[in-house]
Amino acid sequence: MLINKILKTPIYNIVKKTPLQLAPILSDKIKNNIFFKREDYHKVKSFKIRGAHQFISNLSQNELDTGLIAASAGNHAQGVA
């Protein structure tokens, strides 16, 4: 199953698993179960850490040795940090 593959990704070595939360009003309105993935439970309050981790984990050793600059004052820079 896809969920098993997701739960085994390396990102969970550095971030906690966040819950899904049922959105009852929206679910009732569209007659389907809608869930929110609570990424705001992370210290950086967003999902940006996932993208930053994915990008950095795919850098070569040479690229890592050169260094990394995050040109952001927001959530992405926090994710990189």
C-alpha atoms as a PDB file:
ATOM      1  CA  MET A   1       0.000   0.000   0.000  1.00  0.00           C
ATOM      2  CA  LEU A   2       1.085   3.546  -0.671  1.00  0.00           C
ATOM      3  CA  ILE A   3       0.684   4.560   2.978  1.00  0.00           C
ATOM      4  CA  ASN A   4       3.262   1.954   4.030  1.00  0.00           C
ATOM      5  CA  LYS A   5       5.758   3.344   1.518  1.00  0.00           C
ATOM      6  CA  ILE A   6       5.129   6.872   2.771  1.00  0.00           C
ATOM      7  CA  LEU A   7       5.589   5.895   6.414  1.00  0.00           C
ATOM      8  CA  LYS A   8       8.953   4.278   5.636  1.00  0.00           C
ATOM      9  CA  THR A   9      10.487   7.363   4.002  1.00  0.00           C
ATOM     10  CA  PRO A  10      13.637   8.855   5.594  1.00  0.00           C
ATOM     11  CA  ILE A  11      11.829  12.105   6.442  1.00  0.00           C
ATOM     12  CA  TYR A  12      10.444  10.452   9.567  1.00  0.00           C
ATOM     13  CA  ASN A  13      13.978  10.246  10.939  1.00  0.00           C
ATOM     14  CA  ILE A  14      13.841  14.019  11.479  1.00  0.00           C
ATOM     15  CA  VAL A  15      10.154  14.951  11.763  1.00  0.00           C
ATOM     16  CA  LYS A  16       7.315  13.503  13.737  1.00  0.00           C
ATOM     17  CA  LYS A  17       4.339  11.857  12.147  1.00  0.00           C
ATOM     18  CA  THR A  18       1.443  14.279  12.142  1.00  0.00           C
ATOM     19  CA  PRO A  19      -2.193  13.245  12.378  1.00  0.00           C
ATOM     20  CA  LEU A  20      -5.000  13.431   9.908  1.00  0.00           C
ATOM     21  CA  GLN A  21      -7.974  15.329  11.261  1.00  0.00           C
ATOM     22  CA  LEU A  22     -11.491  14.916   9.946  1.00  0.00           C
ATOM     23  CA  ALA A  23     -13.028  18.149   8.680  1.00  0.00           C
ATOM     24  CA  PRO A  24     -16.671  17.434   9.572  1.00  0.00           C
ATOM     25  CA  ILE A  25     -18.309  20.576   8.173  1.00  0.00           C
ATOM     26  CA  LEU A  26     -16.513  20.316   4.831  1.00  0.00           C
ATOM     27  CA  SER A  27     -17.109  16.560   4.738  1.00  0.00           C
ATOM     28  CA  ASP A  28     -20.837  17.061   5.279  1.00  0.00           C
ATOM     29  CA  LYS A  29     -20.996  19.799   2.680  1.00  0.00           C
ATOM     30  CA  ILE A  30     -19.512  17.698  -0.130  1.00  0.00           C
ATOM     31  CA  LYS A  31     -20.818  14.343   1.131  1.00  0.00           C
ATOM     32  CA  ASN A  32     -17.372  12.758   1.436  1.00  0.00           C
ATOM     33  CA  ASN A  33     -14.808  12.363   4.212  1.00  0.00           C
ATOM     34  CA  ILE A  34     -12.242  15.153   4.018  1.00  0.00           C
ATOM     35  CA  PHE A  35      -9.164  15.092   6.235  1.00  0.00           C
ATOM     36  CA  PHE A  36      -6.558  17.714   6.961  1.00  0.00           C
ATOM     37  CA  LYS A  37      -2.922  16.618   7.338  1.00  0.00           C
ATOM     38  CA  ARG A  38      -1.792  18.583  10.389  1.00  0.00           C
ATOM     39  CA  GLU A  39       1.621  19.763   9.221  1.00  0.00           C
ATOM     40  CA  ASP A  40       1.234  22.760  11.522  1.00  0.00           C
ATOM     41  CA  TYR A  41       2.235  20.462  14.399  1.00  0.00           C
ATOM     42  CA  HIS A  42       5.877  20.686  13.272  1.00  0.00           C
ATOM     43  CA  LYS A  43       8.193  23.207  14.920  1.00  0.00           C
ATOM     44  CA  VAL A  44       8.367  25.201  11.676  1.00  0.00           C
ATOM     45  CA  LYS A  45       4.543  25.104  11.424  1.00  0.00           C
ATOM     46  CA  SER A  46       4.500  23.963   7.808  1.00  0.00           C
ATOM     47  CA  PHE A  47       5.277  21.144   5.393  1.00  0.00           C
ATOM     48  CA  LYS A  48       8.319  22.981   3.949  1.00  0.00           C
ATOM     49  CA  ILE A  49      10.714  20.833   5.967  1.00  0.00           C
ATOM     50  CA  ARG A  50       9.701  17.853   3.802  1.00  0.00           C
ATOM     51  CA  GLY A  51      10.727  19.517   0.541  1.00  0.00           C
ATOM     52  CA  ALA A  52      13.922  20.909   2.020  1.00  0.00           C
ATOM     53  CA  HIS A  53      14.899  17.507   3.397  1.00  0.00           C
ATOM     54  CA  GLN A  54      14.151  15.808   0.081  1.00  0.00           C
ATOM     55  CA  PHE A  55      16.258  18.323  -1.830  1.00  0.00           C
ATOM     56  CA  ILE A  56      19.220  18.225   0.572  1.00  0.00           C
ATOM     57  CA  SER A  57      19.196  14.429   0.832  1.00  0.00           C
ATOM     58  CA  ASN A  58      19.653  14.226  -2.963  1.00  0.00           C
ATOM     59  CA  LEU A  59      22.712  16.504  -3.082  1.00  0.00           C
ATOM     60  CA  SER A  60      26.063  14.964  -3.935  1.00  0.00           C
ATOM     61  CA  GLN A  61      28.879  15.025  -1.409  1.00  0.00           C
ATOM     62  CA  ASN A  62      30.621  17.652  -3.535  1.00  0.00           C
ATOM     63  CA  GLU A  63      27.524  19.852  -3.453  1.00  0.00           C
ATOM     64  CA  LEU A  64      27.222  19.408   0.306  1.00  0.00           C
ATOM     65  CA  ASP A  65      30.887  20.321   0.772  1.00  0.00           C
ATOM     66  CA  THR A  66      30.332  23.492  -1.263  1.00  0.00           C
ATOM     67  CA  GLY A  67      27.603  24.611   1.129  1.00  0.00           C
ATOM     68  CA  LEU A  68      23.977  25.546   1.024  1.00  0.00           C
ATOM     69  CA  ILE A  69      22.245  28.922   1.174  1.00  0.00           C
ATOM     70  CA  ALA A  70      18.532  29.314   1.834  1.00  0.00           C
ATOM     71  CA  ALA A  71      17.350  32.544   0.221  1.00  0.00           C
ATOM     72  CA  SER A  72      14.111  32.770   2.159  1.00  0.00           C
ATOM     73  CA  ALA A  73      12.966  34.528   5.283  1.00  0.00           C
ATOM     74  CA  GLY A  74      10.021  32.231   5.787  1.00  0.00           C
ATOM     75  CA  ASN A  75       9.029  28.620   6.220  1.00  0.00           C
ATOM     76  CA  HIS A  76      11.366  27.252   3.543  1.00  0.00           C
ATOM     77  CA  ALA A  77      14.438  28.705   5.236  1.00  0.00           C
ATOM     78  CA  GLN A  78      13.255  27.247   8.541  1.00  0.00           C
ATOM     79  CA  GLY A  79      12.898  23.879   6.865  1.00  0.00           C
ATOM     80  CA  VAL A  80      16.435  24.077   5.509  1.00  0.00           C
ATOM     81  CA  ALA A  81      17.797  25.118   8.898  1.00  0.00           C
END
